[in-house]
Amino acid sequence: MKKYFLLLTLLSSITLAAQVYPTTRGLFLNLHVGAASVAYDDVNDESAGGGGVGLRAGYGITPTTTLYLGIAGYNISGNSNTIFLEDYPVGIFEIGSRFHFGKKVKPLMFYLDVALQGVRATPFDEPAEVTLNGGGLAVAPGLMYFFTDRLAIDAQLRLGGGRINEFESGNLSVDVSDENFNYGLSRLTVGMTFFPF
């Protein structure tokens, strides 16, 4: 009986030593890779997809709330049935908040991102290079698994959309905010999140 008691005590001490207490306050860094899908109104109603990378940096003002800025770049493989190039770049800028849920004594943590996003795409190059500028909103449920108190693997599904409000070519820009030219942008990303201090 005494041997079993000693064994249970040893196992309990090992478990407690390995316990992870996730930290979600302070400086926040996230580097991720992902796949994106983009769709535009009145363009054969078909979406195009591609891969890319992104970075977010911010600050956890409370254990529940983190404010951040983010940038990302994707190379989209256009659909041959549309008027767009077969491959073109899409840049994304975002400012948002992340809200963490769950107990702070478990390595698995759920969160919800809500962000304003700006989008810049260059899907035309003939007869001249044309860039589309727009803005919108994004919502992203996600999941973090903490390996240590401050380092986690991070996966999320980001759903967003908005309106293209400007066509730009060289020094010429045209306001199209009244044309109801909408877009949808979804992203599935996996990366690492770090709260260094």
N, C-alpha and C. Protein backbone atom coordinates (compact mmCIF):
# COMPACT_ATOMS: atom_id res chain seq x y z
N MET A 1 0.83 -1.20 0.00
CA MET A 1 0.00 0.00 0.00
C MET A 1 0.87 1.26 0.00
N LYS A 2 1.92 1.18 0.79
CA LYS A 2 2.82 2.33 0.87
C LYS A 2 3.48 2.60 -0.48
N LYS A 3 3.80 1.51 -1.22
CA LYS A 3 4.43 1.68 -2.53
C LYS A 3 3.49 2.38 -3.50
N TYR A 4 2.21 2.00 -3.48
CA TYR A 4 1.23 2.63 -4.36
C TYR A 4 1.07 4.11 -4.03
N PHE A 5 1.08 4.41 -2.73
CA PHE A 5 0.95 5.80 -2.31
C PHE A 5 2.14 6.62 -2.79
N LEU A 6 3.34 6.06 -2.68
CA LEU A 6 4.53 6.76 -3.15
C LEU A 6 4.50 6.96 -4.67
N LEU A 7 4.00 5.95 -5.39
CA LEU A 7 3.90 6.05 -6.85
C LEU A 7 2.92 7.14 -7.26
N LEU A 8 1.76 7.18 -6.60
CA LEU A 8 0.77 8.22 -6.90
C LEU A 8 1.31 9.60 -6.58
N THR A 9 2.03 9.71 -5.49
CA THR A 9 2.63 11.00 -5.12
C THR A 9 3.64 11.46 -6.17
N LEU A 10 4.44 10.52 -6.65
CA LEU A 10 5.44 10.83 -7.67
C LEU A 10 4.77 11.27 -8.97
N LEU A 11 3.74 10.55 -9.41
CA LEU A 11 3.03 10.90 -10.64
C LEU A 11 2.36 12.26 -10.51
N SER A 12 1.80 12.55 -9.36
CA SER A 12 1.14 13.84 -9.13
C SER A 12 2.15 14.98 -9.20
N SER A 13 3.33 14.77 -8.63
CA SER A 13 4.35 15.82 -8.64
C SER A 13 4.86 16.07 -10.05
N ILE A 14 4.98 15.00 -10.87
CA ILE A 14 5.40 15.16 -12.26
C ILE A 14 4.36 15.94 -13.04
N THR A 15 3.08 15.62 -12.83
CA THR A 15 1.99 16.31 -13.52
C THR A 15 1.97 17.79 -13.17
N LEU A 16 2.14 18.09 -11.87
CA LEU A 16 2.15 19.49 -11.45
C LEU A 16 3.35 20.23 -12.01
N ALA A 17 4.49 19.55 -12.10
CA ALA A 17 5.69 20.19 -12.63
C ALA A 17 5.52 20.52 -14.10
N ALA A 18 4.73 19.68 -14.82
CA ALA A 18 4.53 19.90 -16.25
C ALA A 18 3.33 20.78 -16.55
N GLN A 19 2.64 21.25 -15.53
CA GLN A 19 1.44 22.06 -15.71
C GLN A 19 1.78 23.33 -16.47
N VAL A 20 0.93 23.67 -17.45
CA VAL A 20 1.10 24.88 -18.23
C VAL A 20 0.07 25.91 -17.79
N TYR A 21 0.53 27.12 -17.49
CA TYR A 21 -0.35 28.22 -17.13
C TYR A 21 -0.22 29.30 -18.21
N PRO A 22 -1.07 29.27 -19.23
CA PRO A 22 -0.92 30.18 -20.37
C PRO A 22 -0.92 31.65 -19.97
N THR A 23 0.01 32.39 -20.55
CA THR A 23 0.10 33.83 -20.35
C THR A 23 -0.40 34.54 -21.59
N THR A 24 -1.40 35.40 -21.43
CA THR A 24 -1.95 36.15 -22.57
C THR A 24 -1.93 37.65 -22.31
N ARG A 25 -1.01 38.09 -21.47
CA ARG A 25 -0.81 39.52 -21.24
C ARG A 25 0.56 39.91 -21.76
N GLY A 26 0.71 41.21 -22.08
CA GLY A 26 1.99 41.71 -22.53
C GLY A 26 2.14 41.64 -24.04
N LEU A 27 3.38 41.75 -24.50
CA LEU A 27 3.67 41.77 -25.93
C LEU A 27 3.19 40.49 -26.61
N PHE A 28 2.55 40.66 -27.76
CA PHE A 28 1.95 39.55 -28.51
C PHE A 28 2.55 39.50 -29.91
N LEU A 29 3.09 38.35 -30.32
CA LEU A 29 3.65 38.16 -31.66
C LEU A 29 3.07 36.90 -32.27
N ASN A 30 2.69 36.98 -33.54
CA ASN A 30 2.14 35.81 -34.24
C ASN A 30 2.67 35.78 -35.67
N LEU A 31 3.28 34.67 -36.04
CA LEU A 31 3.75 34.45 -37.41
C LEU A 31 3.00 33.24 -37.95
N HIS A 32 2.43 33.38 -39.14
CA HIS A 32 1.58 32.30 -39.65
C HIS A 32 1.70 32.14 -41.16
N VAL A 33 1.33 30.96 -41.63
CA VAL A 33 1.18 30.67 -43.05
C VAL A 33 -0.28 30.27 -43.26
N GLY A 34 -0.75 30.41 -44.50
CA GLY A 34 -2.15 30.08 -44.70
C GLY A 34 -2.56 29.96 -46.14
N ALA A 35 -3.81 29.59 -46.30
CA ALA A 35 -4.46 29.51 -47.61
C ALA A 35 -5.62 30.49 -47.61
N ALA A 36 -5.80 31.18 -48.73
CA ALA A 36 -6.85 32.20 -48.83
C ALA A 36 -7.73 31.94 -50.04
N SER A 37 -8.98 32.39 -49.92
CA SER A 37 -9.93 32.33 -51.02
C SER A 37 -10.56 33.71 -51.17
N VAL A 38 -10.56 34.23 -52.40
CA VAL A 38 -11.09 35.56 -52.68
C VAL A 38 -12.19 35.46 -53.72
N ALA A 39 -13.27 36.19 -53.49
CA ALA A 39 -14.37 36.24 -54.45
C ALA A 39 -14.83 37.68 -54.60
N TYR A 40 -15.21 38.06 -55.81
CA TYR A 40 -15.68 39.41 -56.10
C TYR A 40 -17.09 39.34 -56.69
N ASP A 41 -17.87 40.37 -56.39
CA ASP A 41 -19.20 40.46 -56.99
C ASP A 41 -19.11 40.61 -58.50
N ASP A 42 -20.03 39.99 -59.21
CA ASP A 42 -20.19 40.17 -60.66
C ASP A 42 -18.97 39.72 -61.46
N VAL A 43 -18.16 38.80 -60.91
CA VAL A 43 -17.04 38.25 -61.67
C VAL A 43 -17.26 36.75 -61.79
N ASN A 44 -18.29 36.39 -62.51
CA ASN A 44 -18.68 34.98 -62.71
C ASN A 44 -18.99 34.25 -61.40
N ASP A 45 -19.08 35.04 -60.31
CA ASP A 45 -19.43 34.46 -59.01
C ASP A 45 -18.54 33.28 -58.63
N GLU A 46 -17.29 33.30 -59.07
CA GLU A 46 -16.36 32.23 -58.73
C GLU A 46 -15.21 32.78 -57.92
N SER A 47 -14.70 31.97 -57.01
CA SER A 47 -13.60 32.40 -56.16
C SER A 47 -12.28 31.86 -56.68
N ALA A 48 -11.20 32.48 -56.23
CA ALA A 48 -9.85 32.04 -56.56
C ALA A 48 -9.07 31.93 -55.26
N GLY A 49 -8.06 31.08 -55.25
CA GLY A 49 -7.33 30.86 -54.01
C GLY A 49 -5.84 30.87 -54.18
N GLY A 50 -5.14 30.87 -53.05
CA GLY A 50 -3.69 30.85 -53.06
C GLY A 50 -3.13 30.79 -51.66
N GLY A 51 -1.81 30.83 -51.55
CA GLY A 51 -1.15 30.74 -50.26
C GLY A 51 -0.37 31.99 -49.93
N GLY A 52 -0.01 32.13 -48.66
CA GLY A 52 0.75 33.30 -48.25
C GLY A 52 1.21 33.21 -46.81
N VAL A 53 1.76 34.33 -46.33
CA VAL A 53 2.28 34.43 -44.96
C VAL A 53 1.79 35.72 -44.33
N GLY A 54 1.84 35.78 -43.00
CA GLY A 54 1.41 36.97 -42.31
C GLY A 54 2.07 37.12 -40.95
N LEU A 55 1.97 38.33 -40.42
CA LEU A 55 2.55 38.67 -39.12
C LEU A 55 1.58 39.56 -38.36
N ARG A 56 1.41 39.28 -37.07
CA ARG A 56 0.63 40.15 -36.20
C ARG A 56 1.47 40.49 -34.97
N ALA A 57 1.31 41.72 -34.51
CA ALA A 57 2.00 42.17 -33.30
C ALA A 57 1.05 43.05 -32.51
N GLY A 58 1.05 42.88 -31.21
CA GLY A 58 0.15 43.68 -30.39
C GLY A 58 0.50 43.58 -28.93
N TYR A 59 -0.52 43.84 -28.11
CA TYR A 59 -0.30 43.84 -26.66
C TYR A 59 -1.54 43.34 -25.95
N GLY A 60 -1.34 42.39 -25.04
CA GLY A 60 -2.43 41.90 -24.22
C GLY A 60 -2.66 42.83 -23.04
N ILE A 61 -3.72 43.63 -23.11
CA ILE A 61 -3.96 44.63 -22.06
C ILE A 61 -4.58 43.98 -20.82
N THR A 62 -5.25 42.85 -21.00
CA THR A 62 -5.76 42.04 -19.90
C THR A 62 -5.56 40.58 -20.30
N PRO A 63 -5.74 39.63 -19.39
CA PRO A 63 -5.64 38.22 -19.79
C PRO A 63 -6.67 37.82 -20.85
N THR A 64 -7.74 38.59 -20.96
CA THR A 64 -8.82 38.26 -21.91
C THR A 64 -8.69 38.98 -23.23
N THR A 65 -8.14 40.20 -23.25
CA THR A 65 -8.18 41.06 -24.43
C THR A 65 -6.79 41.44 -24.91
N THR A 66 -6.55 41.23 -26.21
CA THR A 66 -5.30 41.62 -26.87
C THR A 66 -5.63 42.50 -28.06
N LEU A 67 -4.94 43.63 -28.18
CA LEU A 67 -5.07 44.52 -29.33
C LEU A 67 -3.87 44.31 -30.24
N TYR A 68 -4.09 44.35 -31.56
CA TYR A 68 -2.97 44.04 -32.47
C TYR A 68 -3.11 44.73 -33.82
N LEU A 69 -1.97 44.79 -34.52
CA LEU A 69 -1.89 45.17 -35.93
C LEU A 69 -1.37 43.97 -36.70
N GLY A 70 -1.81 43.82 -37.95
CA GLY A 70 -1.37 42.69 -38.73
C GLY A 70 -1.18 43.02 -40.20
N ILE A 71 -0.26 42.32 -40.84
CA ILE A 71 -0.07 42.42 -42.29
C ILE A 71 0.05 41.00 -42.84
N ALA A 72 -0.36 40.84 -44.09
CA ALA A 72 -0.26 39.54 -44.74
C ALA A 72 -0.18 39.74 -46.24
N GLY A 73 0.46 38.80 -46.91
CA GLY A 73 0.55 38.82 -48.37
C GLY A 73 0.25 37.45 -48.93
N TYR A 74 -0.57 37.42 -49.98
CA TYR A 74 -0.97 36.15 -50.61
C TYR A 74 -0.79 36.25 -52.12
N ASN A 75 -0.44 35.13 -52.72
CA ASN A 75 -0.38 35.04 -54.18
C ASN A 75 -1.60 34.22 -54.62
N ILE A 76 -2.51 34.90 -55.31
CA ILE A 76 -3.78 34.28 -55.69
C ILE A 76 -3.68 33.74 -57.12
N SER A 77 -4.08 32.50 -57.29
CA SER A 77 -4.14 31.89 -58.61
C SER A 77 -5.54 32.11 -59.17
N GLY A 78 -5.66 33.04 -60.10
CA GLY A 78 -6.96 33.43 -60.62
C GLY A 78 -7.62 32.35 -61.44
N ASN A 79 -8.92 32.43 -61.52
CA ASN A 79 -9.70 31.50 -62.33
C ASN A 79 -9.66 31.94 -63.79
N SER A 80 -9.38 31.03 -64.69
CA SER A 80 -9.24 31.37 -66.11
C SER A 80 -10.55 31.87 -66.73
N ASN A 81 -11.67 31.63 -66.06
CA ASN A 81 -12.96 32.07 -66.58
C ASN A 81 -13.28 33.51 -66.22
N THR A 82 -12.42 34.16 -65.45
CA THR A 82 -12.67 35.53 -65.04
C THR A 82 -11.79 36.48 -65.86
N ILE A 83 -11.97 37.77 -65.58
CA ILE A 83 -11.22 38.79 -66.30
C ILE A 83 -9.86 39.05 -65.65
N PHE A 84 -9.57 38.38 -64.55
CA PHE A 84 -8.35 38.65 -63.81
C PHE A 84 -7.17 37.84 -64.32
N LEU A 85 -5.97 38.25 -63.88
CA LEU A 85 -4.75 37.51 -64.19
C LEU A 85 -4.81 36.12 -63.57
N GLU A 86 -4.02 35.22 -64.13
CA GLU A 86 -3.97 33.87 -63.56
C GLU A 86 -3.30 33.86 -62.19
N ASP A 87 -2.33 34.75 -61.98
CA ASP A 87 -1.69 34.88 -60.67
C ASP A 87 -1.52 36.36 -60.36
N TYR A 88 -1.93 36.75 -59.16
CA TYR A 88 -1.78 38.16 -58.78
C TYR A 88 -1.67 38.27 -57.26
N PRO A 89 -1.04 39.37 -56.77
CA PRO A 89 -0.83 39.53 -55.33
C PRO A 89 -2.01 40.21 -54.64
N VAL A 90 -2.22 39.82 -53.39
CA VAL A 90 -3.19 40.48 -52.52
C VAL A 90 -2.50 40.79 -51.20
N GLY A 91 -2.53 42.06 -50.81
CA GLY A 91 -1.97 42.48 -49.53
C GLY A 91 -3.09 42.84 -48.57
N ILE A 92 -2.89 42.52 -47.30
CA ILE A 92 -3.92 42.74 -46.28
C ILE A 92 -3.30 43.46 -45.09
N PHE A 93 -3.98 44.50 -44.62
CA PHE A 93 -3.61 45.19 -43.38
C PHE A 93 -4.80 45.12 -42.44
N GLU A 94 -4.53 44.87 -41.16
CA GLU A 94 -5.64 44.74 -40.22
C GLU A 94 -5.30 45.35 -38.87
N ILE A 95 -6.33 45.84 -38.22
CA ILE A 95 -6.24 46.31 -36.84
C ILE A 95 -7.40 45.67 -36.09
N GLY A 96 -7.08 44.98 -35.01
CA GLY A 96 -8.15 44.21 -34.38
C GLY A 96 -7.95 43.93 -32.91
N SER A 97 -8.88 43.15 -32.38
CA SER A 97 -8.86 42.70 -30.99
C SER A 97 -9.04 41.20 -30.95
N ARG A 98 -8.35 40.57 -30.03
CA ARG A 98 -8.49 39.13 -29.80
C ARG A 98 -9.03 38.92 -28.38
N PHE A 99 -10.07 38.11 -28.28
CA PHE A 99 -10.70 37.83 -26.99
C PHE A 99 -10.50 36.35 -26.65
N HIS A 100 -9.84 36.08 -25.53
CA HIS A 100 -9.52 34.71 -25.13
C HIS A 100 -10.60 34.15 -24.21
N PHE A 101 -10.87 32.85 -24.38
CA PHE A 101 -11.87 32.17 -23.56
C PHE A 101 -11.24 30.92 -22.95
N GLY A 102 -11.79 30.50 -21.82
CA GLY A 102 -11.32 29.27 -21.20
C GLY A 102 -10.50 29.52 -19.96
N LYS A 103 -10.23 28.45 -19.24
CA LYS A 103 -9.47 28.53 -18.00
C LYS A 103 -7.99 28.73 -18.30
N LYS A 104 -7.35 29.50 -17.45
CA LYS A 104 -5.94 29.82 -17.65
C LYS A 104 -5.02 28.76 -17.06
N VAL A 105 -5.57 27.59 -16.74
CA VAL A 105 -4.74 26.50 -16.19
C VAL A 105 -4.73 25.31 -17.15
N LYS A 106 -5.22 25.51 -18.37
CA LYS A 106 -5.23 24.44 -19.37
C LYS A 106 -4.46 24.90 -20.60
N PRO A 107 -3.74 23.99 -21.26
CA PRO A 107 -2.93 24.39 -22.42
C PRO A 107 -3.75 24.75 -23.65
N LEU A 108 -5.00 24.30 -23.71
CA LEU A 108 -5.85 24.56 -24.87
C LEU A 108 -6.71 25.79 -24.60
N MET A 109 -6.66 26.77 -25.52
CA MET A 109 -7.40 28.01 -25.32
C MET A 109 -8.09 28.45 -26.61
N PHE A 110 -9.37 28.75 -26.50
CA PHE A 110 -10.13 29.26 -27.63
C PHE A 110 -10.09 30.79 -27.63
N TYR A 111 -10.27 31.37 -28.82
CA TYR A 111 -10.32 32.83 -28.91
C TYR A 111 -11.17 33.25 -30.09
N LEU A 112 -11.50 34.54 -30.11
CA LEU A 112 -12.24 35.13 -31.22
C LEU A 112 -11.56 36.44 -31.60
N ASP A 113 -11.18 36.57 -32.86
CA ASP A 113 -10.62 37.82 -33.40
C ASP A 113 -11.71 38.61 -34.10
N VAL A 114 -11.71 39.92 -33.91
CA VAL A 114 -12.58 40.84 -34.65
C VAL A 114 -11.69 41.96 -35.15
N ALA A 115 -11.72 42.24 -36.46
CA ALA A 115 -10.77 43.20 -37.02
C ALA A 115 -11.36 44.01 -38.16
N LEU A 116 -10.84 45.24 -38.29
CA LEU A 116 -11.02 46.04 -39.50
C LEU A 116 -9.89 45.67 -40.44
N GLN A 117 -10.18 45.50 -41.72
CA GLN A 117 -9.11 45.12 -42.65
C GLN A 117 -9.13 45.99 -43.90
N GLY A 118 -7.94 46.26 -44.39
CA GLY A 118 -7.76 46.91 -45.68
C GLY A 118 -7.16 45.92 -46.66
N VAL A 119 -7.60 45.96 -47.90
CA VAL A 119 -7.16 45.00 -48.91
C VAL A 119 -6.65 45.75 -50.13
N ARG A 120 -5.54 45.25 -50.69
CA ARG A 120 -4.96 45.84 -51.90
C ARG A 120 -4.59 44.70 -52.84
N ALA A 121 -5.23 44.66 -54.00
CA ALA A 121 -5.00 43.58 -54.97
C ALA A 121 -4.66 44.18 -56.32
N THR A 122 -3.82 43.47 -57.09
CA THR A 122 -3.44 43.91 -58.43
C THR A 122 -3.74 42.80 -59.42
N PRO A 123 -5.02 42.65 -59.80
CA PRO A 123 -5.40 41.52 -60.66
C PRO A 123 -5.36 41.81 -62.16
N PHE A 124 -5.00 43.06 -62.55
CA PHE A 124 -4.94 43.41 -63.97
C PHE A 124 -3.55 43.91 -64.33
N ASP A 125 -3.08 43.63 -65.55
CA ASP A 125 -1.86 44.28 -66.04
C ASP A 125 -1.97 44.69 -67.50
N GLU A 126 -3.12 44.48 -68.12
CA GLU A 126 -3.33 44.90 -69.51
C GLU A 126 -4.67 45.62 -69.63
N PRO A 127 -4.74 46.71 -70.35
CA PRO A 127 -3.65 47.41 -71.04
C PRO A 127 -2.70 48.14 -70.10
N ALA A 128 -3.09 48.25 -68.81
CA ALA A 128 -2.21 48.87 -67.81
C ALA A 128 -2.44 48.18 -66.48
N GLU A 129 -1.44 48.27 -65.61
CA GLU A 129 -1.57 47.65 -64.29
C GLU A 129 -2.60 48.41 -63.47
N VAL A 130 -3.58 47.70 -62.94
CA VAL A 130 -4.65 48.30 -62.15
C VAL A 130 -4.69 47.63 -60.78
N THR A 131 -4.74 48.46 -59.74
CA THR A 131 -4.81 47.97 -58.37
C THR A 131 -6.17 48.30 -57.78
N LEU A 132 -6.73 47.35 -57.04
CA LEU A 132 -8.00 47.54 -56.35
C LEU A 132 -7.72 47.76 -54.87
N ASN A 133 -8.30 48.82 -54.30
CA ASN A 133 -8.16 49.10 -52.87
C ASN A 133 -9.54 49.02 -52.21
N GLY A 134 -9.59 48.40 -51.05
CA GLY A 134 -10.87 48.28 -50.37
C GLY A 134 -10.70 48.08 -48.88
N GLY A 135 -11.82 47.98 -48.21
CA GLY A 135 -11.82 47.78 -46.77
C GLY A 135 -12.99 46.93 -46.34
N GLY A 136 -12.96 46.50 -45.09
CA GLY A 136 -14.06 45.68 -44.61
C GLY A 136 -13.82 45.18 -43.21
N LEU A 137 -14.53 44.13 -42.86
CA LEU A 137 -14.47 43.53 -41.53
C LEU A 137 -14.08 42.06 -41.63
N ALA A 138 -13.52 41.54 -40.55
CA ALA A 138 -13.17 40.11 -40.49
C ALA A 138 -13.44 39.59 -39.09
N VAL A 139 -13.90 38.35 -39.03
CA VAL A 139 -14.13 37.65 -37.77
C VAL A 139 -13.42 36.30 -37.85
N ALA A 140 -12.73 35.92 -36.77
CA ALA A 140 -11.92 34.69 -36.84
C ALA A 140 -12.00 33.92 -35.53
N PRO A 141 -12.73 32.82 -35.50
CA PRO A 141 -12.61 31.91 -34.36
C PRO A 141 -11.30 31.14 -34.48
N GLY A 142 -10.65 30.89 -33.34
CA GLY A 142 -9.37 30.21 -33.39
C GLY A 142 -9.08 29.41 -32.13
N LEU A 143 -7.95 28.73 -32.18
CA LEU A 143 -7.56 27.82 -31.11
C LEU A 143 -6.05 27.89 -30.93
N MET A 144 -5.61 28.00 -29.67
CA MET A 144 -4.18 27.95 -29.35
C MET A 144 -3.90 26.78 -28.42
N TYR A 145 -2.79 26.11 -28.68
CA TYR A 145 -2.32 25.06 -27.77
C TYR A 145 -0.95 25.49 -27.25
N PHE A 146 -0.85 25.72 -25.94
CA PHE A 146 0.37 26.23 -25.33
C PHE A 146 1.32 25.08 -24.98
N PHE A 147 2.53 25.13 -25.55
CA PHE A 147 3.59 24.18 -25.20
C PHE A 147 4.27 24.61 -23.91
N THR A 148 4.39 25.93 -23.74
CA THR A 148 4.92 26.51 -22.51
C THR A 148 3.94 27.61 -22.09
N ASP A 149 4.27 28.31 -21.02
CA ASP A 149 3.37 29.37 -20.56
C ASP A 149 3.22 30.49 -21.58
N ARG A 150 4.21 30.65 -22.48
CA ARG A 150 4.21 31.81 -23.38
C ARG A 150 4.26 31.47 -24.87
N LEU A 151 4.36 30.21 -25.23
CA LEU A 151 4.49 29.82 -26.63
C LEU A 151 3.40 28.82 -27.00
N ALA A 152 2.70 29.11 -28.12
CA ALA A 152 1.58 28.26 -28.52
C ALA A 152 1.54 28.09 -30.03
N ILE A 153 1.02 26.95 -30.46
CA ILE A 153 0.66 26.79 -31.86
C ILE A 153 -0.75 27.34 -32.01
N ASP A 154 -1.01 28.01 -33.13
CA ASP A 154 -2.21 28.82 -33.30
C ASP A 154 -2.86 28.50 -34.64
N ALA A 155 -4.14 28.16 -34.64
CA ALA A 155 -4.88 27.88 -35.88
C ALA A 155 -6.19 28.65 -35.86
N GLN A 156 -6.55 29.20 -37.02
CA GLN A 156 -7.80 29.97 -37.08
C GLN A 156 -8.41 29.93 -38.47
N LEU A 157 -9.72 30.15 -38.51
CA LEU A 157 -10.46 30.34 -39.75
C LEU A 157 -10.95 31.77 -39.75
N ARG A 158 -10.47 32.55 -40.73
CA ARG A 158 -10.76 33.98 -40.77
C ARG A 158 -11.73 34.27 -41.91
N LEU A 159 -12.88 34.80 -41.58
CA LEU A 159 -13.92 35.10 -42.57
C LEU A 159 -14.14 36.60 -42.62
N GLY A 160 -14.05 37.16 -43.81
CA GLY A 160 -14.19 38.61 -43.93
C GLY A 160 -14.75 39.02 -45.27
N GLY A 161 -14.97 40.29 -45.38
CA GLY A 161 -15.48 40.85 -46.63
C GLY A 161 -15.66 42.34 -46.50
N GLY A 162 -16.00 42.96 -47.60
CA GLY A 162 -16.19 44.40 -47.60
C GLY A 162 -16.41 44.92 -49.00
N ARG A 163 -15.94 46.13 -49.23
CA ARG A 163 -16.21 46.80 -50.50
C ARG A 163 -14.92 47.34 -51.11
N ILE A 164 -14.77 47.15 -52.41
CA ILE A 164 -13.70 47.81 -53.16
C ILE A 164 -14.13 49.25 -53.39
N ASN A 165 -13.31 50.21 -52.97
CA ASN A 165 -13.71 51.61 -53.08
C ASN A 165 -12.83 52.44 -54.00
N GLU A 166 -11.77 51.84 -54.57
CA GLU A 166 -10.89 52.63 -55.44
C GLU A 166 -10.19 51.74 -56.46
N PHE A 167 -10.13 52.21 -57.69
CA PHE A 167 -9.28 51.62 -58.73
C PHE A 167 -8.10 52.57 -58.91
N GLU A 168 -6.89 52.02 -58.98
CA GLU A 168 -5.69 52.84 -59.07
C GLU A 168 -4.80 52.33 -60.19
N SER A 169 -4.33 53.24 -61.03
CA SER A 169 -3.41 52.89 -62.11
C SER A 169 -2.43 54.03 -62.30
N GLY A 170 -1.18 53.80 -61.94
CA GLY A 170 -0.19 54.87 -62.01
C GLY A 170 -0.58 56.02 -61.10
N ASN A 171 -0.64 57.23 -61.67
CA ASN A 171 -1.03 58.41 -60.89
C ASN A 171 -2.53 58.65 -60.92
N LEU A 172 -3.27 57.78 -61.57
CA LEU A 172 -4.71 57.95 -61.71
C LEU A 172 -5.45 57.05 -60.73
N SER A 173 -6.43 57.62 -60.05
CA SER A 173 -7.28 56.82 -59.16
C SER A 173 -8.74 57.19 -59.39
N VAL A 174 -9.59 56.19 -59.31
CA VAL A 174 -11.02 56.39 -59.55
C VAL A 174 -11.79 55.86 -58.35
N ASP A 175 -12.64 56.71 -57.78
CA ASP A 175 -13.47 56.32 -56.65
C ASP A 175 -14.65 55.51 -57.15
N VAL A 176 -14.77 54.27 -56.67
CA VAL A 176 -15.88 53.40 -57.09
C VAL A 176 -16.70 52.97 -55.88
N SER A 177 -16.63 53.76 -54.81
CA SER A 177 -17.32 53.38 -53.58
C SER A 177 -18.84 53.33 -53.74
N ASP A 178 -19.37 53.99 -54.79
CA ASP A 178 -20.82 53.98 -55.02
C ASP A 178 -21.26 52.85 -55.94
N GLU A 179 -20.33 52.02 -56.39
CA GLU A 179 -20.66 51.00 -57.39
C GLU A 179 -21.04 49.65 -56.78
N ASN A 180 -21.01 49.54 -55.45
CA ASN A 180 -21.35 48.28 -54.78
C ASN A 180 -20.51 47.10 -55.30
N PHE A 181 -19.22 47.33 -55.46
CA PHE A 181 -18.29 46.29 -55.89
C PHE A 181 -17.74 45.62 -54.63
N ASN A 182 -18.36 44.55 -54.21
CA ASN A 182 -18.01 43.89 -52.95
C ASN A 182 -17.05 42.73 -53.16
N TYR A 183 -16.39 42.33 -52.08
CA TYR A 183 -15.48 41.19 -52.12
C TYR A 183 -15.67 40.34 -50.86
N GLY A 184 -15.30 39.09 -50.95
CA GLY A 184 -15.24 38.21 -49.80
C GLY A 184 -13.85 37.60 -49.70
N LEU A 185 -13.34 37.49 -48.49
CA LEU A 185 -11.98 36.98 -48.29
C LEU A 185 -11.98 36.04 -47.08
N SER A 186 -11.66 34.79 -47.31
CA SER A 186 -11.56 33.83 -46.20
C SER A 186 -10.14 33.27 -46.16
N ARG A 187 -9.66 33.00 -44.94
CA ARG A 187 -8.30 32.49 -44.77
C ARG A 187 -8.27 31.42 -43.69
N LEU A 188 -7.54 30.37 -43.95
CA LEU A 188 -7.26 29.33 -42.96
C LEU A 188 -5.76 29.38 -42.67
N THR A 189 -5.39 29.68 -41.43
CA THR A 189 -3.98 29.89 -41.11
C THR A 189 -3.54 29.01 -39.94
N VAL A 190 -2.25 28.69 -39.95
CA VAL A 190 -1.61 27.96 -38.85
C VAL A 190 -0.27 28.65 -38.58
N GLY A 191 0.03 28.88 -37.32
CA GLY A 191 1.28 29.55 -37.00
C GLY A 191 1.66 29.40 -35.55
N MET A 192 2.61 30.24 -35.13
CA MET A 192 3.08 30.25 -33.75
C MET A 192 2.77 31.60 -33.12
N THR A 193 2.28 31.56 -31.89
CA THR A 193 2.00 32.77 -31.12
C THR A 193 2.90 32.79 -29.89
N PHE A 194 3.46 33.98 -29.61
CA PHE A 194 4.45 34.11 -28.55
C PHE A 194 4.13 35.35 -27.72
N PHE A 195 4.10 35.20 -26.41
CA PHE A 195 3.98 36.32 -25.48
C PHE A 195 5.31 36.42 -24.73
N PRO A 196 6.30 37.12 -25.30
CA PRO A 196 7.66 37.09 -24.73
C PRO A 196 7.78 37.74 -23.36
N PHE A 197 7.03 38.84 -23.13
CA PHE A 197 7.08 39.51 -21.82
C PHE A 197 5.93 40.49 -21.73
